[in-house]
Amino acid sequence: NARIWRADITYLELRPGTWVYLSSIYEPKVHQVLAFKIGRQMEATLVVETINQALECHQKPQYFHSDMGSQYTSNEVETLLERHQISHSYSK
């Protein structure tokens, strides 16, 4: 069975008008959040840091699944996944 990581970014309002972004990686097969990072800006760097955190502690997946947001389609994320030989799949 292929290992798949799913990624998403969630908006969290700390107080009226103040938002942070929660980037997380989840492995459906084991029903576990493997890594998460909170940032003040929703950028590719946040996703790269989350992927690196997951790779430090967990066996790499065959597939990384995300939506087609600019953070996930960025050169930084694509380069990182290619370097680790992880295929990227997208939701429409």
Foldseek 3Di string as FASTA:
>chain_A
DFWEKEWDKDWDAPDVPQIKIKIWIATVVVRDTQFIDIGRDPALVRVLVRVVSSVVPDDDTQEYEYAPDCSCVDPSNVVVCVVVNHHYYHDD
